[in-house]
């Protein structure tokens, strides 16, 4: 159980970014503390601690951002104690500003992460739907050997209207369908499903390509 908080913090890092980036805000906090404590009385670099939460929000989640905000506030309190100015209005204003900025950064993280989770769910559903539509082509259609490879231009392009299918007709010929529905997202996937369903239902019964094309056009309309 003692390891759970650290696991939770590690789980809050955004995908694609290394947890090692934590050394940036931590190094900033330590550096500001040391410089402020050793500096002459008229020099104050404590306000720079506000950057710790602002930096963390760029690559980490809400828990890690809250942790950096808490460390920044604790560092400001430590500076006030070591310099004997904790009860002054200036140091209290700096602490209050740090708290406000940290809460704001955590709020931004929560809203951003919620939006990312929603988008991830949408993309997962759409990707699953398209994987069902784009079934592997048969290796043979009579004497015809078939091979296919689908390479989307971009990761997001996987959720588009690309489609392909193959069918063997009652007249011992093969029908191949390769197409791209205009648009992307669920609307394109829905149209692809309609067209593929019509093709699989009609391709093996239509003797000529023109009749098959008319049948597909009618189904789509």
C-alpha atoms as a PDB file:
ATOM      1  CA  UNK A   1       0.000   0.000   0.000  1.00  0.00           C
ATOM      2  CA  UNK A   2       2.905   2.338   0.579  1.00  0.00           C
ATOM      3  CA  UNK A   3       3.721   2.308  -3.129  1.00  0.00           C
ATOM      4  CA  UNK A   4       0.193   3.264  -4.268  1.00  0.00           C
ATOM      5  CA  UNK A   5       0.635   7.088  -4.168  1.00  0.00           C
ATOM      6  CA  UNK A   6       3.755   6.842  -6.314  1.00  0.00           C
ATOM      7  CA  UNK A   7       1.938   4.530  -8.740  1.00  0.00           C
ATOM      8  CA  UNK A   8      -0.930   7.022  -8.952  1.00  0.00           C
ATOM      9  CA  UNK A   9       1.446   9.882  -9.681  1.00  0.00           C
ATOM     10  CA  UNK A  10       3.237   7.878 -12.373  1.00  0.00           C
ATOM     11  CA  UNK A  11      -0.110   7.027 -13.912  1.00  0.00           C
ATOM     12  CA  UNK A  12      -0.921  10.710 -14.326  1.00  0.00           C
ATOM     13  CA  UNK A  13       1.833  11.371 -16.847  1.00  0.00           C
ATOM     14  CA  UNK A  14       0.537  12.124 -20.299  1.00  0.00           C
ATOM     15  CA  UNK A  15       1.189   9.482 -22.985  1.00  0.00           C
ATOM     16  CA  UNK A  16       4.255  10.120 -25.091  1.00  0.00           C
ATOM     17  CA  UNK A  17       6.196  12.021 -22.419  1.00  0.00           C
ATOM     18  CA  UNK A  18       8.886  10.627 -20.131  1.00  0.00           C
ATOM     19  CA  UNK A  19       8.330  10.842 -16.366  1.00  0.00           C
ATOM     20  CA  UNK A  20      11.972  11.952 -16.158  1.00  0.00           C
ATOM     21  CA  UNK A  21      10.786  15.437 -17.176  1.00  0.00           C
ATOM     22  CA  UNK A  22       9.826  15.898 -13.528  1.00  0.00           C
ATOM     23  CA  UNK A  23      13.418  16.966 -12.899  1.00  0.00           C
ATOM     24  CA  UNK A  24      12.661  20.273 -14.655  1.00  0.00           C
ATOM     25  CA  UNK A  25      10.100  21.654 -12.168  1.00  0.00           C
ATOM     26  CA  UNK A  26      11.867  19.961  -9.249  1.00  0.00           C
ATOM     27  CA  UNK A  27      15.166  21.505 -10.268  1.00  0.00           C
ATOM     28  CA  UNK A  28      13.474  24.884 -10.594  1.00  0.00           C
ATOM     29  CA  UNK A  29      12.019  24.628  -7.081  1.00  0.00           C
ATOM     30  CA  UNK A  30      15.346  23.619  -5.543  1.00  0.00           C
ATOM     31  CA  UNK A  31      17.272  26.300  -7.437  1.00  0.00           C
ATOM     32  CA  UNK A  32      14.850  29.072  -6.486  1.00  0.00           C
ATOM     33  CA  UNK A  33      14.978  28.024  -2.817  1.00  0.00           C
ATOM     34  CA  UNK A  34      18.763  28.003  -2.686  1.00  0.00           C
ATOM     35  CA  UNK A  35      19.186  31.277  -4.565  1.00  0.00           C
ATOM     36  CA  UNK A  36      16.493  33.093  -2.593  1.00  0.00           C
ATOM     37  CA  UNK A  37      17.863  31.971   0.773  1.00  0.00           C
ATOM     38  CA  UNK A  38      21.474  32.856  -0.095  1.00  0.00           C
ATOM     39  CA  UNK A  39      20.692  36.091  -1.918  1.00  0.00           C
ATOM     40  CA  UNK A  40      20.919  39.538  -0.261  1.00  0.00           C
ATOM     41  CA  UNK A  41      17.795  40.682   1.622  1.00  0.00           C
ATOM     42  CA  UNK A  42      16.689  43.013  -1.156  1.00  0.00           C
ATOM     43  CA  UNK A  43      16.681  40.232  -3.812  1.00  0.00           C
ATOM     44  CA  UNK A  44      13.685  37.891  -4.017  1.00  0.00           C
ATOM     45  CA  UNK A  45      13.352  35.169  -6.674  1.00  0.00           C
ATOM     46  CA  UNK A  46      10.585  33.296  -4.870  1.00  0.00           C
ATOM     47  CA  UNK A  47       7.913  34.440  -7.381  1.00  0.00           C
ATOM     48  CA  UNK A  48       9.625  32.227  -9.974  1.00  0.00           C
ATOM     49  CA  UNK A  49       8.195  29.219  -8.129  1.00  0.00           C
ATOM     50  CA  UNK A  50       4.923  29.872  -9.941  1.00  0.00           C
ATOM     51  CA  UNK A  51       6.541  28.386 -13.056  1.00  0.00           C
ATOM     52  CA  UNK A  52       6.784  24.909 -11.471  1.00  0.00           C
ATOM     53  CA  UNK A  53       3.072  24.113 -11.868  1.00  0.00           C
ATOM     54  CA  UNK A  54       2.890  25.888 -15.220  1.00  0.00           C
ATOM     55  CA  UNK A  55       5.718  23.719 -16.571  1.00  0.00           C
ATOM     56  CA  UNK A  56       4.333  20.477 -15.139  1.00  0.00           C
ATOM     57  CA  UNK A  57       0.917  20.967 -16.703  1.00  0.00           C
ATOM     58  CA  UNK A  58       2.552  20.702 -20.145  1.00  0.00           C
ATOM     59  CA  UNK A  59       3.622  17.057 -19.744  1.00  0.00           C
ATOM     60  CA  UNK A  60       1.881  15.589 -16.703  1.00  0.00           C
ATOM     61  CA  UNK A  61      -1.568  14.922 -15.309  1.00  0.00           C
ATOM     62  CA  UNK A  62      -3.568  16.460 -12.497  1.00  0.00           C
ATOM     63  CA  UNK A  63      -1.976  14.551  -9.613  1.00  0.00           C
ATOM     64  CA  UNK A  64       1.587  15.300 -10.684  1.00  0.00           C
ATOM     65  CA  UNK A  65       0.693  18.949 -11.286  1.00  0.00           C
ATOM     66  CA  UNK A  66      -0.917  19.179  -7.857  1.00  0.00           C
ATOM     67  CA  UNK A  67       2.207  17.626  -6.323  1.00  0.00           C
ATOM     68  CA  UNK A  68       4.470  20.214  -7.957  1.00  0.00           C
ATOM     69  CA  UNK A  69       2.128  22.987  -6.846  1.00  0.00           C
ATOM     70  CA  UNK A  70       2.228  21.741  -3.269  1.00  0.00           C
ATOM     71  CA  UNK A  71       6.033  21.521  -3.349  1.00  0.00           C
ATOM     72  CA  UNK A  72       6.222  25.063  -4.723  1.00  0.00           C
ATOM     73  CA  UNK A  73       3.990  26.371  -1.916  1.00  0.00           C
ATOM     74  CA  UNK A  74       6.039  24.453   0.667  1.00  0.00           C
ATOM     75  CA  UNK A  75       9.225  25.897  -0.819  1.00  0.00           C
ATOM     76  CA  UNK A  76       7.838  29.433  -0.562  1.00  0.00           C
ATOM     77  CA  UNK A  77       6.904  28.841   3.075  1.00  0.00           C
ATOM     78  CA  UNK A  78      10.394  27.462   3.737  1.00  0.00           C
ATOM     79  CA  UNK A  79      11.957  30.555   2.158  1.00  0.00           C
ATOM     80  CA  UNK A  80       9.795  32.770   4.360  1.00  0.00           C
ATOM     81  CA  UNK A  81      10.818  30.862   7.492  1.00  0.00           C
ATOM     82  CA  UNK A  82      14.541  30.826   6.690  1.00  0.00           C
ATOM     83  CA  UNK A  83      14.561  34.522   5.823  1.00  0.00           C
ATOM     84  CA  UNK A  84      12.346  35.445   8.767  1.00  0.00           C
ATOM     85  CA  UNK A  85       9.710  37.124   6.596  1.00  0.00           C
ATOM     86  CA  UNK A  86       6.920  34.559   6.746  1.00  0.00           C
ATOM     87  CA  UNK A  87       4.543  36.951   8.515  1.00  0.00           C
ATOM     88  CA  UNK A  88       5.023  39.815   6.051  1.00  0.00           C
ATOM     89  CA  UNK A  89       2.312  40.799   3.595  1.00  0.00           C
ATOM     90  CA  UNK A  90       4.625  40.250   0.625  1.00  0.00           C
ATOM     91  CA  UNK A  91       5.413  36.606   1.361  1.00  0.00           C
ATOM     92  CA  UNK A  92       1.766  35.902   2.185  1.00  0.00           C
ATOM     93  CA  UNK A  93       0.734  37.386  -1.149  1.00  0.00           C
ATOM     94  CA  UNK A  94       3.277  35.209  -2.939  1.00  0.00           C
ATOM     95  CA  UNK A  95       2.000  32.087  -1.174  1.00  0.00           C
ATOM     96  CA  UNK A  96      -1.588  32.973  -2.041  1.00  0.00           C
ATOM     97  CA  UNK A  97      -0.624  33.547  -5.674  1.00  0.00           C
ATOM     98  CA  UNK A  98       1.122  30.173  -5.805  1.00  0.00           C
ATOM     99  CA  UNK A  99      -1.964  28.443  -4.434  1.00  0.00           C
ATOM    100  CA  UNK A 100      -4.247  30.143  -6.958  1.00  0.00           C
ATOM    101  CA  UNK A 101      -1.978  29.332  -9.901  1.00  0.00           C
ATOM    102  CA  UNK A 102      -1.554  25.714  -8.763  1.00  0.00           C
ATOM    103  CA  UNK A 103      -5.310  25.222  -8.433  1.00  0.00           C
ATOM    104  CA  UNK A 104      -5.807  26.740 -11.883  1.00  0.00           C
ATOM    105  CA  UNK A 105      -3.211  24.429 -13.428  1.00  0.00           C
ATOM    106  CA  UNK A 106      -4.767  21.364 -11.787  1.00  0.00           C
ATOM    107  CA  UNK A 107      -8.198  22.412 -13.065  1.00  0.00           C
ATOM    108  CA  UNK A 108      -6.806  22.729 -16.588  1.00  0.00           C
ATOM    109  CA  UNK A 109      -5.305  19.242 -16.294  1.00  0.00           C
ATOM    110  CA  UNK A 110      -8.595  17.743 -15.106  1.00  0.00           C
ATOM    111  CA  UNK A 111     -10.568  19.298 -17.969  1.00  0.00           C
ATOM    112  CA  UNK A 112      -7.918  18.332 -20.534  1.00  0.00           C
ATOM    113  CA  UNK A 113      -7.612  14.745 -19.304  1.00  0.00           C
ATOM    114  CA  UNK A 114     -11.394  14.303 -19.264  1.00  0.00           C
ATOM    115  CA  UNK A 115     -11.566  15.538 -22.844  1.00  0.00           C
ATOM    116  CA  UNK A 116      -8.751  13.198 -23.880  1.00  0.00           C
ATOM    117  CA  UNK A 117     -10.514  10.223 -22.273  1.00  0.00           C
ATOM    118  CA  UNK A 118     -13.718  11.054 -24.128  1.00  0.00           C
ATOM    119  CA  UNK A 119     -11.862  11.356 -27.423  1.00  0.00           C
ATOM    120  CA  UNK A 120     -10.041   8.085 -26.751  1.00  0.00           C
ATOM    121  CA  UNK A 121     -13.357   6.301 -26.184  1.00  0.00           C
ATOM    122  CA  UNK A 122     -14.770   7.717 -29.422  1.00  0.00           C
ATOM    123  CA  UNK A 123     -11.702   6.698 -31.418  1.00  0.00           C
ATOM    124  CA  UNK A 124     -11.698   3.226 -29.833  1.00  0.00           C
ATOM    125  CA  UNK A 125     -15.320   2.622 -30.799  1.00  0.00           C
ATOM    126  CA  UNK A 126     -14.754   3.927 -34.317  1.00  0.00           C
ATOM    127  CA  UNK A 127     -11.587   1.867 -34.735  1.00  0.00           C
ATOM    128  CA  UNK A 128     -13.377  -1.278 -33.549  1.00  0.00           C
ATOM    129  CA  UNK A 129     -16.235  -0.608 -35.956  1.00  0.00           C
ATOM    130  CA  UNK A 130     -13.878  -0.165 -38.881  1.00  0.00           C
ATOM    131  CA  UNK A 131     -11.899  -3.282 -37.996  1.00  0.00           C
ATOM    132  CA  UNK A 132     -15.147  -5.218 -38.300  1.00  0.00           C
ATOM    133  CA  UNK A 133     -15.869  -3.641 -41.684  1.00  0.00           C
ATOM    134  CA  UNK A 134     -12.404  -4.091 -43.166  1.00  0.00           C
ATOM    135  CA  UNK A 135     -12.291  -7.847 -42.872  1.00  0.00           C
ATOM    136  CA  UNK A 136      -9.286  -9.632 -44.377  1.00  0.00           C
ATOM    137  CA  UNK A 137      -9.685 -10.374 -48.073  1.00  0.00           C
ATOM    138  CA  UNK A 138      -9.848 -14.033 -49.068  1.00  0.00           C
ATOM    139  CA  UNK A 139      -6.604 -15.417 -50.382  1.00  0.00           C
ATOM    140  CA  UNK A 140      -8.357 -16.951 -53.397  1.00  0.00           C
ATOM    141  CA  UNK A 141     -11.460 -16.278 -55.469  1.00  0.00           C
ATOM    142  CA  UNK A 142     -11.499 -19.234 -57.798  1.00  0.00           C
ATOM    143  CA  UNK A 143      -8.234 -19.227 -59.763  1.00  0.00           C
ATOM    144  CA  UNK A 144      -7.612 -15.606 -58.763  1.00  0.00           C
ATOM    145  CA  UNK A 145      -5.135 -15.077 -55.950  1.00  0.00           C
ATOM    146  CA  UNK A 146      -5.733 -12.004 -53.790  1.00  0.00           C
ATOM    147  CA  UNK A 147      -3.407 -10.067 -51.485  1.00  0.00           C
ATOM    148  CA  UNK A 148      -3.999  -6.705 -49.872  1.00  0.00           C
ATOM    149  CA  UNK A 149      -2.216  -4.236 -47.629  1.00  0.00           C
ATOM    150  CA  UNK A 150      -3.809  -1.202 -45.987  1.00  0.00           C
ATOM    151  CA  UNK A 151      -1.458   1.607 -44.950  1.00  0.00           C
ATOM    152  CA  UNK A 152      -3.181   4.807 -43.759  1.00  0.00           C
ATOM    153  CA  UNK A 153      -1.373   8.063 -44.482  1.00  0.00           C
ATOM    154  CA  UNK A 154      -1.748   9.141 -40.852  1.00  0.00           C
ATOM    155  CA  UNK A 155      -2.872   7.520 -37.634  1.00  0.00           C
ATOM    156  CA  UNK A 156      -6.136   9.478 -37.719  1.00  0.00           C
ATOM    157  CA  UNK A 157      -6.718   8.357 -41.304  1.00  0.00           C
ATOM    158  CA  UNK A 158      -7.474   4.846 -40.057  1.00  0.00           C
ATOM    159  CA  UNK A 159     -10.900   6.149 -39.074  1.00  0.00           C
ATOM    160  CA  UNK A 160     -11.993   7.042 -42.553  1.00  0.00           C
ATOM    161  CA  UNK A 161     -14.138   5.641 -45.311  1.00  0.00           C
ATOM    162  CA  UNK A 162     -11.648   3.279 -46.965  1.00  0.00           C
ATOM    163  CA  UNK A 163     -13.179  -0.051 -47.952  1.00  0.00           C
ATOM    164  CA  UNK A 164     -12.375  -3.209 -49.888  1.00  0.00           C
ATOM    165  CA  UNK A 165     -14.108  -6.526 -50.452  1.00  0.00           C
ATOM    166  CA  UNK A 166     -14.026  -9.541 -52.752  1.00  0.00           C
ATOM    167  CA  UNK A 167     -16.742 -11.955 -53.814  1.00  0.00           C
ATOM    168  CA  UNK A 168     -17.131 -14.959 -56.114  1.00  0.00           C
ATOM    169  CA  UNK A 169     -20.144 -14.805 -58.434  1.00  0.00           C
ATOM    170  CA  UNK A 170     -22.479 -17.600 -59.537  1.00  0.00           C
ATOM    171  CA  UNK A 171     -20.992 -17.237 -63.044  1.00  0.00           C
ATOM    172  CA  UNK A 172     -17.490 -18.279 -61.922  1.00  0.00           C
ATOM    173  CA  UNK A 173     -16.005 -14.789 -61.952  1.00  0.00           C
ATOM    174  CA  UNK A 174     -14.617 -12.578 -59.206  1.00  0.00           C
ATOM    175  CA  UNK A 175     -15.769  -9.169 -58.083  1.00  0.00           C
ATOM    176  CA  UNK A 176     -13.393  -6.804 -56.297  1.00  0.00           C
ATOM    177  CA  UNK A 177     -14.489  -3.586 -54.616  1.00  0.00           C
ATOM    178  CA  UNK A 178     -12.015  -0.882 -53.605  1.00  0.00           C
ATOM    179  CA  UNK A 179     -13.363   2.479 -52.538  1.00  0.00           C
ATOM    180  CA  UNK A 180     -13.097   5.493 -50.313  1.00  0.00           C
ATOM    181  CA  UNK A 181     -16.206   7.145 -48.905  1.00  0.00           C
ATOM    182  CA  UNK A 182     -15.900  10.911 -48.729  1.00  0.00           C
ATOM    183  CA  UNK A 183     -15.368  12.255 -45.223  1.00  0.00           C
ATOM    184  CA  UNK A 184     -14.158  10.580 -42.061  1.00  0.00           C
ATOM    185  CA  UNK A 185     -15.299   9.518 -38.615  1.00  0.00           C
ATOM    186  CA  UNK A 186     -18.454   7.594 -37.782  1.00  0.00           C
ATOM    187  CA  UNK A 187     -20.405   9.041 -40.723  1.00  0.00           C
ATOM    188  CA  UNK A 188     -17.887   7.664 -43.222  1.00  0.00           C
ATOM    189  CA  UNK A 189     -17.761   4.317 -41.432  1.00  0.00           C
ATOM    190  CA  UNK A 190     -21.572   4.097 -41.536  1.00  0.00           C
ATOM    191  CA  UNK A 191     -21.611   4.747 -45.284  1.00  0.00           C
ATOM    192  CA  UNK A 192     -18.832   2.200 -45.799  1.00  0.00           C
ATOM    193  CA  UNK A 193     -20.852  -0.395 -43.884  1.00  0.00           C
ATOM    194  CA  UNK A 194     -23.877   0.274 -46.088  1.00  0.00           C
ATOM    195  CA  UNK A 195     -21.884  -0.075 -49.295  1.00  0.00           C
ATOM    196  CA  UNK A 196     -20.021  -3.200 -48.174  1.00  0.00           C
ATOM    197  CA  UNK A 197     -23.240  -4.832 -47.062  1.00  0.00           C
ATOM    198  CA  UNK A 198     -24.879  -4.135 -50.416  1.00  0.00           C
ATOM    199  CA  UNK A 199     -21.835  -5.455 -52.270  1.00  0.00           C
ATOM    200  CA  UNK A 200     -21.645  -8.685 -50.283  1.00  0.00           C
ATOM    201  CA  UNK A 201     -25.368  -9.257 -50.747  1.00  0.00           C
ATOM    202  CA  UNK A 202     -25.468  -8.577 -54.487  1.00  0.00           C
ATOM    203  CA  UNK A 203     -22.031  -9.303 -55.947  1.00  0.00           C
ATOM    204  CA  UNK A 204     -22.472 -13.054 -56.265  1.00  0.00           C
ATOM    205  CA  UNK A 205     -25.846 -12.718 -58.038  1.00  0.00           C
ATOM    206  CA  UNK A 206     -25.186  -9.929 -60.540  1.00  0.00           C
ATOM    207  CA  UNK A 207     -23.884 -11.282 -63.828  1.00  0.00           C
ATOM    208  CA  UNK A 208     -22.460  -8.008 -65.148  1.00  0.00           C
ATOM    209  CA  UNK A 209     -20.562  -5.127 -63.614  1.00  0.00           C
ATOM    210  CA  UNK A 210     -23.075  -2.494 -64.828  1.00  0.00           C
ATOM    211  CA  UNK A 211     -25.917  -4.312 -63.072  1.00  0.00           C
ATOM    212  CA  UNK A 212     -23.833  -4.571 -59.909  1.00  0.00           C
ATOM    213  CA  UNK A 213     -23.030  -0.862 -60.081  1.00  0.00           C
ATOM    214  CA  UNK A 214     -26.730  -0.023 -60.467  1.00  0.00           C
ATOM    215  CA  UNK A 215     -27.562  -2.246 -57.498  1.00  0.00           C
ATOM    216  CA  UNK A 216     -24.938  -0.606 -55.295  1.00  0.00           C
ATOM    217  CA  UNK A 217     -26.054   2.859 -56.350  1.00  0.00           C
ATOM    218  CA  UNK A 218     -29.652   2.010 -55.541  1.00  0.00           C
ATOM    219  CA  UNK A 219     -28.767   0.613 -52.136  1.00  0.00           C
ATOM    220  CA  UNK A 220     -26.694   3.648 -51.265  1.00  0.00           C
ATOM    221  CA  UNK A 221     -29.388   6.079 -52.357  1.00  0.00           C
END
